[in-house]
């Protein structure tokens, strides 16, 4: 009997780990699903006070996963703005993009930015009195552009920054990210993660994704015990 038990155990240990398919998870960009906190209150207030803006062109700046795209989507829904990626400005019909009088330009810090297209867009928006909301991970005045007139335009661009989440917002974010993946989490697990992971929006996204993938791989529920194993906590 012991030989059979040893054979079964060896087979269990040596079996290849189950492959986990990378699945898209539905993310809601509705206003009611935006998580408010001290780190983003200024940015949210700016979006919601439109069209009473201090400038027609404004930039939202913050780290990965901080809610820039969510805020941009809220503003686009209110303003009728189209959305375009900054890296595709060179292949975009800019007058058509500005046809509604409002435009979101995502990821202004993307590599290989077409400076001439961006410069033309800014000038066109000024001529037509259109509003543009830029998103970026770095402040636009610090972008390494070569066109001097574009540098000067970017230096004049008002910037609203999204800051690192506080404890309460980090916990709310963990719950929301889990819900997006249809994971049931309890307070013990959320508190454990909040005290172990990198204290950032990106850190929360990575932690929940890793926990979900590991639970699928092991065919186990998402629990504090699994999180302790995954993050090697004592």
C-alpha atoms as a PDB file:
ATOM      1  CA  UNK A   1       0.000   0.000   0.000  1.00  0.00           C
ATOM      2  CA  UNK A   2       2.827   2.396   0.854  1.00  0.00           C
ATOM      3  CA  UNK A   3       4.347   1.890  -2.614  1.00  0.00           C
ATOM      4  CA  UNK A   4       1.080   2.846  -4.278  1.00  0.00           C
ATOM      5  CA  UNK A   5       0.737   5.869  -1.991  1.00  0.00           C
ATOM      6  CA  UNK A   6       4.284   7.003  -2.845  1.00  0.00           C
ATOM      7  CA  UNK A   7       3.550   6.581  -6.559  1.00  0.00           C
ATOM      8  CA  UNK A   8       0.359   8.638  -6.333  1.00  0.00           C
ATOM      9  CA  UNK A   9       2.146  11.340  -4.377  1.00  0.00           C
ATOM     10  CA  UNK A  10       4.998  11.470  -6.880  1.00  0.00           C
ATOM     11  CA  UNK A  11       2.521  11.775  -9.746  1.00  0.00           C
ATOM     12  CA  UNK A  12       0.713  14.588  -7.962  1.00  0.00           C
ATOM     13  CA  UNK A  13       3.914  16.528  -7.276  1.00  0.00           C
ATOM     14  CA  UNK A  14       5.495  16.015 -10.679  1.00  0.00           C
ATOM     15  CA  UNK A  15       2.336  16.710 -12.717  1.00  0.00           C
ATOM     16  CA  UNK A  16       2.612  19.852 -14.829  1.00  0.00           C
ATOM     17  CA  UNK A  17       0.925  22.915 -13.388  1.00  0.00           C
ATOM     18  CA  UNK A  18      -2.416  23.678 -14.964  1.00  0.00           C
ATOM     19  CA  UNK A  19      -2.183  26.313 -17.670  1.00  0.00           C
ATOM     20  CA  UNK A  20      -4.235  29.427 -17.048  1.00  0.00           C
ATOM     21  CA  UNK A  21      -5.768  31.186 -20.001  1.00  0.00           C
ATOM     22  CA  UNK A  22      -5.411  34.975 -20.088  1.00  0.00           C
ATOM     23  CA  UNK A  23      -9.002  36.175 -20.107  1.00  0.00           C
ATOM     24  CA  UNK A  24     -10.244  39.716 -20.454  1.00  0.00           C
ATOM     25  CA  UNK A  25     -12.138  40.970 -17.433  1.00  0.00           C
ATOM     26  CA  UNK A  26     -14.968  43.431 -17.777  1.00  0.00           C
ATOM     27  CA  UNK A  27     -14.107  46.844 -16.370  1.00  0.00           C
ATOM     28  CA  UNK A  28     -16.817  49.423 -15.880  1.00  0.00           C
ATOM     29  CA  UNK A  29     -15.935  53.056 -16.579  1.00  0.00           C
ATOM     30  CA  UNK A  30     -19.298  54.348 -15.371  1.00  0.00           C
ATOM     31  CA  UNK A  31     -19.350  57.286 -12.978  1.00  0.00           C
ATOM     32  CA  UNK A  32     -20.937  55.222 -10.204  1.00  0.00           C
ATOM     33  CA  UNK A  33     -18.076  52.745 -10.351  1.00  0.00           C
ATOM     34  CA  UNK A  34     -15.337  55.337  -9.863  1.00  0.00           C
ATOM     35  CA  UNK A  35     -13.684  54.993  -6.456  1.00  0.00           C
ATOM     36  CA  UNK A  36     -13.292  58.396  -4.810  1.00  0.00           C
ATOM     37  CA  UNK A  37     -10.579  59.313  -2.341  1.00  0.00           C
ATOM     38  CA  UNK A  38      -8.173  62.074  -1.353  1.00  0.00           C
ATOM     39  CA  UNK A  39      -5.735  60.978  -4.065  1.00  0.00           C
ATOM     40  CA  UNK A  40      -8.138  61.704  -6.901  1.00  0.00           C
ATOM     41  CA  UNK A  41     -10.601  64.266  -5.553  1.00  0.00           C
ATOM     42  CA  UNK A  42      -9.029  67.188  -7.433  1.00  0.00           C
ATOM     43  CA  UNK A  43      -9.064  65.307 -10.727  1.00  0.00           C
ATOM     44  CA  UNK A  44     -12.658  64.199 -10.233  1.00  0.00           C
ATOM     45  CA  UNK A  45     -13.729  67.733  -9.325  1.00  0.00           C
ATOM     46  CA  UNK A  46     -12.102  69.032 -12.497  1.00  0.00           C
ATOM     47  CA  UNK A  47     -13.887  66.498 -14.692  1.00  0.00           C
ATOM     48  CA  UNK A  48     -17.234  67.228 -13.082  1.00  0.00           C
ATOM     49  CA  UNK A  49     -16.965  71.010 -13.301  1.00  0.00           C
ATOM     50  CA  UNK A  50     -16.697  70.938 -17.109  1.00  0.00           C
ATOM     51  CA  UNK A  51     -17.365  73.072 -19.127  1.00  0.00           C
ATOM     52  CA  UNK A  52     -16.275  75.523 -16.433  1.00  0.00           C
ATOM     53  CA  UNK A  53     -12.587  74.764 -16.912  1.00  0.00           C
ATOM     54  CA  UNK A  54      -9.645  77.107 -16.259  1.00  0.00           C
ATOM     55  CA  UNK A  55      -8.317  76.162 -19.708  1.00  0.00           C
ATOM     56  CA  UNK A  56      -9.682  74.367 -22.752  1.00  0.00           C
ATOM     57  CA  UNK A  57      -6.702  72.012 -22.725  1.00  0.00           C
ATOM     58  CA  UNK A  58      -5.918  70.120 -19.508  1.00  0.00           C
ATOM     59  CA  UNK A  59      -3.793  67.108 -18.578  1.00  0.00           C
ATOM     60  CA  UNK A  60      -4.523  64.381 -16.035  1.00  0.00           C
ATOM     61  CA  UNK A  61      -1.225  62.986 -14.764  1.00  0.00           C
ATOM     62  CA  UNK A  62      -0.773  59.925 -12.598  1.00  0.00           C
ATOM     63  CA  UNK A  63       0.824  56.485 -12.315  1.00  0.00           C
ATOM     64  CA  UNK A  64      -0.391  53.382 -14.091  1.00  0.00           C
ATOM     65  CA  UNK A  65      -3.807  52.235 -12.901  1.00  0.00           C
ATOM     66  CA  UNK A  66      -4.557  55.446 -10.992  1.00  0.00           C
ATOM     67  CA  UNK A  67      -7.881  56.067 -12.751  1.00  0.00           C
ATOM     68  CA  UNK A  68      -6.893  58.423 -15.572  1.00  0.00           C
ATOM     69  CA  UNK A  69      -8.722  56.432 -18.236  1.00  0.00           C
ATOM     70  CA  UNK A  70     -11.773  56.052 -15.993  1.00  0.00           C
ATOM     71  CA  UNK A  71     -11.942  59.814 -15.419  1.00  0.00           C
ATOM     72  CA  UNK A  72     -11.404  60.432 -19.136  1.00  0.00           C
ATOM     73  CA  UNK A  73     -14.292  58.075 -19.921  1.00  0.00           C
ATOM     74  CA  UNK A  74     -16.550  59.913 -17.461  1.00  0.00           C
ATOM     75  CA  UNK A  75     -15.674  63.223 -19.122  1.00  0.00           C
ATOM     76  CA  UNK A  76     -16.107  61.779 -22.621  1.00  0.00           C
ATOM     77  CA  UNK A  77     -19.595  60.590 -21.722  1.00  0.00           C
ATOM     78  CA  UNK A  78     -20.508  64.056 -20.436  1.00  0.00           C
ATOM     79  CA  UNK A  79     -18.878  66.063 -23.232  1.00  0.00           C
ATOM     80  CA  UNK A  80     -19.419  63.801 -26.223  1.00  0.00           C
ATOM     81  CA  UNK A  81     -15.667  63.597 -26.711  1.00  0.00           C
ATOM     82  CA  UNK A  82     -14.058  61.086 -29.000  1.00  0.00           C
ATOM     83  CA  UNK A  83     -11.052  59.152 -27.664  1.00  0.00           C
ATOM     84  CA  UNK A  84      -7.746  58.697 -29.475  1.00  0.00           C
ATOM     85  CA  UNK A  85      -4.384  57.274 -28.448  1.00  0.00           C
ATOM     86  CA  UNK A  86      -1.527  59.780 -28.592  1.00  0.00           C
ATOM     87  CA  UNK A  87       0.625  57.307 -30.520  1.00  0.00           C
ATOM     88  CA  UNK A  88      -1.983  57.290 -33.322  1.00  0.00           C
ATOM     89  CA  UNK A  89      -2.283  61.048 -33.759  1.00  0.00           C
ATOM     90  CA  UNK A  90      -0.173  60.926 -36.930  1.00  0.00           C
ATOM     91  CA  UNK A  91      -2.695  58.638 -38.631  1.00  0.00           C
ATOM     92  CA  UNK A  92      -5.797  60.368 -37.264  1.00  0.00           C
ATOM     93  CA  UNK A  93      -8.065  62.756 -39.164  1.00  0.00           C
ATOM     94  CA  UNK A  94      -7.689  65.536 -36.601  1.00  0.00           C
ATOM     95  CA  UNK A  95     -10.522  67.818 -37.815  1.00  0.00           C
ATOM     96  CA  UNK A  96     -12.844  64.806 -37.687  1.00  0.00           C
ATOM     97  CA  UNK A  97     -11.577  63.876 -34.222  1.00  0.00           C
ATOM     98  CA  UNK A  98     -12.459  67.377 -33.001  1.00  0.00           C
ATOM     99  CA  UNK A  99     -15.869  67.406 -34.719  1.00  0.00           C
ATOM    100  CA  UNK A 100     -17.784  67.208 -31.422  1.00  0.00           C
ATOM    101  CA  UNK A 101     -15.740  70.032 -29.899  1.00  0.00           C
ATOM    102  CA  UNK A 102     -14.163  67.710 -27.331  1.00  0.00           C
ATOM    103  CA  UNK A 103     -11.424  65.085 -27.468  1.00  0.00           C
ATOM    104  CA  UNK A 104      -9.595  62.725 -25.118  1.00  0.00           C
ATOM    105  CA  UNK A 105      -5.952  62.024 -25.993  1.00  0.00           C
ATOM    106  CA  UNK A 106      -4.707  59.041 -23.999  1.00  0.00           C
ATOM    107  CA  UNK A 107      -1.088  58.247 -23.052  1.00  0.00           C
ATOM    108  CA  UNK A 108       0.617  61.457 -24.077  1.00  0.00           C
ATOM    109  CA  UNK A 109       3.886  59.966 -22.791  1.00  0.00           C
ATOM    110  CA  UNK A 110       3.748  57.093 -25.283  1.00  0.00           C
ATOM    111  CA  UNK A 111       6.998  56.446 -27.183  1.00  0.00           C
ATOM    112  CA  UNK A 112       7.373  57.597 -30.795  1.00  0.00           C
ATOM    113  CA  UNK A 113       4.960  60.474 -30.323  1.00  0.00           C
ATOM    114  CA  UNK A 114       4.275  62.343 -33.587  1.00  0.00           C
ATOM    115  CA  UNK A 115       5.218  65.841 -32.415  1.00  0.00           C
ATOM    116  CA  UNK A 116       3.986  67.565 -35.564  1.00  0.00           C
ATOM    117  CA  UNK A 117       0.575  65.928 -35.287  1.00  0.00           C
ATOM    118  CA  UNK A 118       0.307  66.922 -31.613  1.00  0.00           C
ATOM    119  CA  UNK A 119       1.368  70.491 -32.366  1.00  0.00           C
ATOM    120  CA  UNK A 120      -1.185  70.692 -35.188  1.00  0.00           C
ATOM    121  CA  UNK A 121      -3.909  69.269 -32.911  1.00  0.00           C
ATOM    122  CA  UNK A 122      -3.257  71.824 -30.175  1.00  0.00           C
ATOM    123  CA  UNK A 123      -3.324  74.700 -32.671  1.00  0.00           C
ATOM    124  CA  UNK A 124      -6.484  73.358 -34.315  1.00  0.00           C
ATOM    125  CA  UNK A 125      -8.229  73.008 -30.956  1.00  0.00           C
ATOM    126  CA  UNK A 126      -7.386  76.610 -30.122  1.00  0.00           C
ATOM    127  CA  UNK A 127      -8.698  77.825 -33.464  1.00  0.00           C
ATOM    128  CA  UNK A 128     -11.952  75.908 -33.112  1.00  0.00           C
ATOM    129  CA  UNK A 129     -12.442  76.500 -29.380  1.00  0.00           C
ATOM    130  CA  UNK A 130     -12.425  72.782 -28.672  1.00  0.00           C
ATOM    131  CA  UNK A 131     -11.672  71.104 -25.343  1.00  0.00           C
ATOM    132  CA  UNK A 132      -8.992  68.425 -24.991  1.00  0.00           C
ATOM    133  CA  UNK A 133      -8.289  66.211 -21.994  1.00  0.00           C
ATOM    134  CA  UNK A 134      -4.849  64.588 -22.116  1.00  0.00           C
ATOM    135  CA  UNK A 135      -3.780  61.659 -19.934  1.00  0.00           C
ATOM    136  CA  UNK A 136      -0.161  60.914 -19.145  1.00  0.00           C
ATOM    137  CA  UNK A 137       2.050  59.171 -16.608  1.00  0.00           C
ATOM    138  CA  UNK A 138       4.486  62.077 -16.643  1.00  0.00           C
ATOM    139  CA  UNK A 139       3.891  65.812 -16.605  1.00  0.00           C
ATOM    140  CA  UNK A 140       3.615  67.110 -20.207  1.00  0.00           C
ATOM    141  CA  UNK A 141       6.185  69.916 -19.711  1.00  0.00           C
ATOM    142  CA  UNK A 142       8.795  67.221 -19.012  1.00  0.00           C
ATOM    143  CA  UNK A 143       8.162  65.289 -22.237  1.00  0.00           C
ATOM    144  CA  UNK A 144      11.298  65.137 -24.423  1.00  0.00           C
ATOM    145  CA  UNK A 145       9.923  66.939 -27.485  1.00  0.00           C
ATOM    146  CA  UNK A 146      12.092  68.676 -30.062  1.00  0.00           C
ATOM    147  CA  UNK A 147       9.698  71.242 -31.548  1.00  0.00           C
ATOM    148  CA  UNK A 148      10.242  74.396 -29.495  1.00  0.00           C
ATOM    149  CA  UNK A 149       6.786  75.819 -30.050  1.00  0.00           C
ATOM    150  CA  UNK A 150       5.318  72.531 -28.900  1.00  0.00           C
ATOM    151  CA  UNK A 151       7.481  72.679 -25.777  1.00  0.00           C
ATOM    152  CA  UNK A 152       6.059  76.074 -25.008  1.00  0.00           C
ATOM    153  CA  UNK A 153       2.469  74.829 -25.552  1.00  0.00           C
ATOM    154  CA  UNK A 154       3.072  71.914 -23.190  1.00  0.00           C
ATOM    155  CA  UNK A 155       4.584  74.170 -20.532  1.00  0.00           C
ATOM    156  CA  UNK A 156       1.364  76.202 -20.500  1.00  0.00           C
ATOM    157  CA  UNK A 157      -0.824  73.109 -20.146  1.00  0.00           C
ATOM    158  CA  UNK A 158      -2.589  72.999 -16.756  1.00  0.00           C
ATOM    159  CA  UNK A 159      -1.879  69.721 -14.948  1.00  0.00           C
ATOM    160  CA  UNK A 160      -4.015  67.916 -12.372  1.00  0.00           C
ATOM    161  CA  UNK A 161      -2.196  65.074 -10.623  1.00  0.00           C
ATOM    162  CA  UNK A 162      -3.562  61.841  -9.209  1.00  0.00           C
ATOM    163  CA  UNK A 163      -1.626  60.777  -6.142  1.00  0.00           C
ATOM    164  CA  UNK A 164      -0.913  57.436  -4.467  1.00  0.00           C
ATOM    165  CA  UNK A 165      -3.962  55.849  -2.781  1.00  0.00           C
ATOM    166  CA  UNK A 166      -4.513  56.142   0.951  1.00  0.00           C
ATOM    167  CA  UNK A 167      -5.343  53.068   3.061  1.00  0.00           C
ATOM    168  CA  UNK A 168      -9.099  53.303   2.608  1.00  0.00           C
ATOM    169  CA  UNK A 169      -8.920  53.773  -1.166  1.00  0.00           C
ATOM    170  CA  UNK A 170      -6.399  50.937  -1.538  1.00  0.00           C
ATOM    171  CA  UNK A 171      -8.757  48.559   0.245  1.00  0.00           C
ATOM    172  CA  UNK A 172     -11.736  49.701  -1.838  1.00  0.00           C
ATOM    173  CA  UNK A 173      -9.652  49.209  -4.970  1.00  0.00           C
ATOM    174  CA  UNK A 174      -8.738  45.659  -3.983  1.00  0.00           C
ATOM    175  CA  UNK A 175     -12.417  44.827  -3.447  1.00  0.00           C
ATOM    176  CA  UNK A 176     -13.390  46.355  -6.809  1.00  0.00           C
ATOM    177  CA  UNK A 177     -10.628  44.573  -8.713  1.00  0.00           C
ATOM    178  CA  UNK A 178     -11.691  41.294  -7.151  1.00  0.00           C
ATOM    179  CA  UNK A 179     -15.331  41.969  -8.052  1.00  0.00           C
ATOM    180  CA  UNK A 180     -14.307  42.714 -11.647  1.00  0.00           C
ATOM    181  CA  UNK A 181     -12.902  39.177 -11.734  1.00  0.00           C
ATOM    182  CA  UNK A 182     -15.944  37.745  -9.935  1.00  0.00           C
ATOM    183  CA  UNK A 183     -13.847  36.847  -6.903  1.00  0.00           C
ATOM    184  CA  UNK A 184     -15.396  36.769  -3.446  1.00  0.00           C
ATOM    185  CA  UNK A 185     -13.026  38.319  -0.896  1.00  0.00           C
ATOM    186  CA  UNK A 186     -13.486  38.931   2.811  1.00  0.00           C
ATOM    187  CA  UNK A 187     -12.132  41.665   5.071  1.00  0.00           C
ATOM    188  CA  UNK A 188      -9.314  39.450   6.381  1.00  0.00           C
ATOM    189  CA  UNK A 189      -7.970  38.835   2.887  1.00  0.00           C
ATOM    190  CA  UNK A 190      -8.295  42.496   1.863  1.00  0.00           C
ATOM    191  CA  UNK A 191      -6.497  43.686   4.988  1.00  0.00           C
ATOM    192  CA  UNK A 192      -3.773  41.092   4.510  1.00  0.00           C
ATOM    193  CA  UNK A 193      -3.139  42.198   0.910  1.00  0.00           C
ATOM    194  CA  UNK A 194      -3.244  45.895   1.785  1.00  0.00           C
ATOM    195  CA  UNK A 195      -0.488  45.345   4.355  1.00  0.00           C
ATOM    196  CA  UNK A 196       1.736  43.216   2.103  1.00  0.00           C
ATOM    197  CA  UNK A 197       1.613  44.556  -1.455  1.00  0.00           C
ATOM    198  CA  UNK A 198       3.246  47.572  -3.048  1.00  0.00           C
ATOM    199  CA  UNK A 199       1.167  50.569  -2.000  1.00  0.00           C
ATOM    200  CA  UNK A 200       0.169  51.738  -5.441  1.00  0.00           C
ATOM    201  CA  UNK A 201      -2.627  51.324  -7.960  1.00  0.00           C
ATOM    202  CA  UNK A 202      -0.411  49.182 -10.168  1.00  0.00           C
ATOM    203  CA  UNK A 203       0.563  47.052  -7.165  1.00  0.00           C
ATOM    204  CA  UNK A 204      -3.094  46.362  -6.369  1.00  0.00           C
ATOM    205  CA  UNK A 205      -3.817  45.384  -9.983  1.00  0.00           C
ATOM    206  CA  UNK A 206      -0.845  43.012 -10.066  1.00  0.00           C
ATOM    207  CA  UNK A 207      -1.663  41.413  -6.709  1.00  0.00           C
ATOM    208  CA  UNK A 208      -5.279  40.625  -7.571  1.00  0.00           C
ATOM    209  CA  UNK A 209      -4.307  39.307 -11.006  1.00  0.00           C
ATOM    210  CA  UNK A 210      -1.609  37.053  -9.527  1.00  0.00           C
ATOM    211  CA  UNK A 211      -3.952  35.779  -6.829  1.00  0.00           C
ATOM    212  CA  UNK A 212      -6.693  35.022  -9.357  1.00  0.00           C
ATOM    213  CA  UNK A 213      -4.300  33.215 -11.699  1.00  0.00           C
ATOM    214  CA  UNK A 214      -2.785  31.171  -8.869  1.00  0.00           C
ATOM    215  CA  UNK A 215      -6.225  30.144  -7.595  1.00  0.00           C
ATOM    216  CA  UNK A 216      -7.185  28.973 -11.079  1.00  0.00           C
ATOM    217  CA  UNK A 217      -3.896  27.144 -11.503  1.00  0.00           C
ATOM    218  CA  UNK A 218      -4.265  25.300  -8.212  1.00  0.00           C
ATOM    219  CA  UNK A 219      -8.038  24.963  -8.506  1.00  0.00           C
ATOM    220  CA  UNK A 220      -8.414  26.478  -5.068  1.00  0.00           C
ATOM    221  CA  UNK A 221     -10.627  29.274  -3.750  1.00  0.00           C
ATOM    222  CA  UNK A 222      -9.150  32.716  -3.221  1.00  0.00           C
ATOM    223  CA  UNK A 223      -8.374  32.866   0.488  1.00  0.00           C
ATOM    224  CA  UNK A 224      -6.020  34.557   2.921  1.00  0.00           C
ATOM    225  CA  UNK A 225      -4.106  31.279   3.205  1.00  0.00           C
ATOM    226  CA  UNK A 226      -3.492  31.215  -0.540  1.00  0.00           C
ATOM    227  CA  UNK A 227      -2.430  34.859  -0.477  1.00  0.00           C
ATOM    228  CA  UNK A 228       0.012  34.063   2.357  1.00  0.00           C
ATOM    229  CA  UNK A 229       1.560  31.308   0.263  1.00  0.00           C
ATOM    230  CA  UNK A 230       1.699  33.422  -2.870  1.00  0.00           C
ATOM    231  CA  UNK A 231       3.239  36.470  -1.229  1.00  0.00           C
ATOM    232  CA  UNK A 232       5.423  34.411   1.111  1.00  0.00           C
ATOM    233  CA  UNK A 233       4.129  36.085   4.220  1.00  0.00           C
ATOM    234  CA  UNK A 234       4.878  34.753   7.676  1.00  0.00           C
END
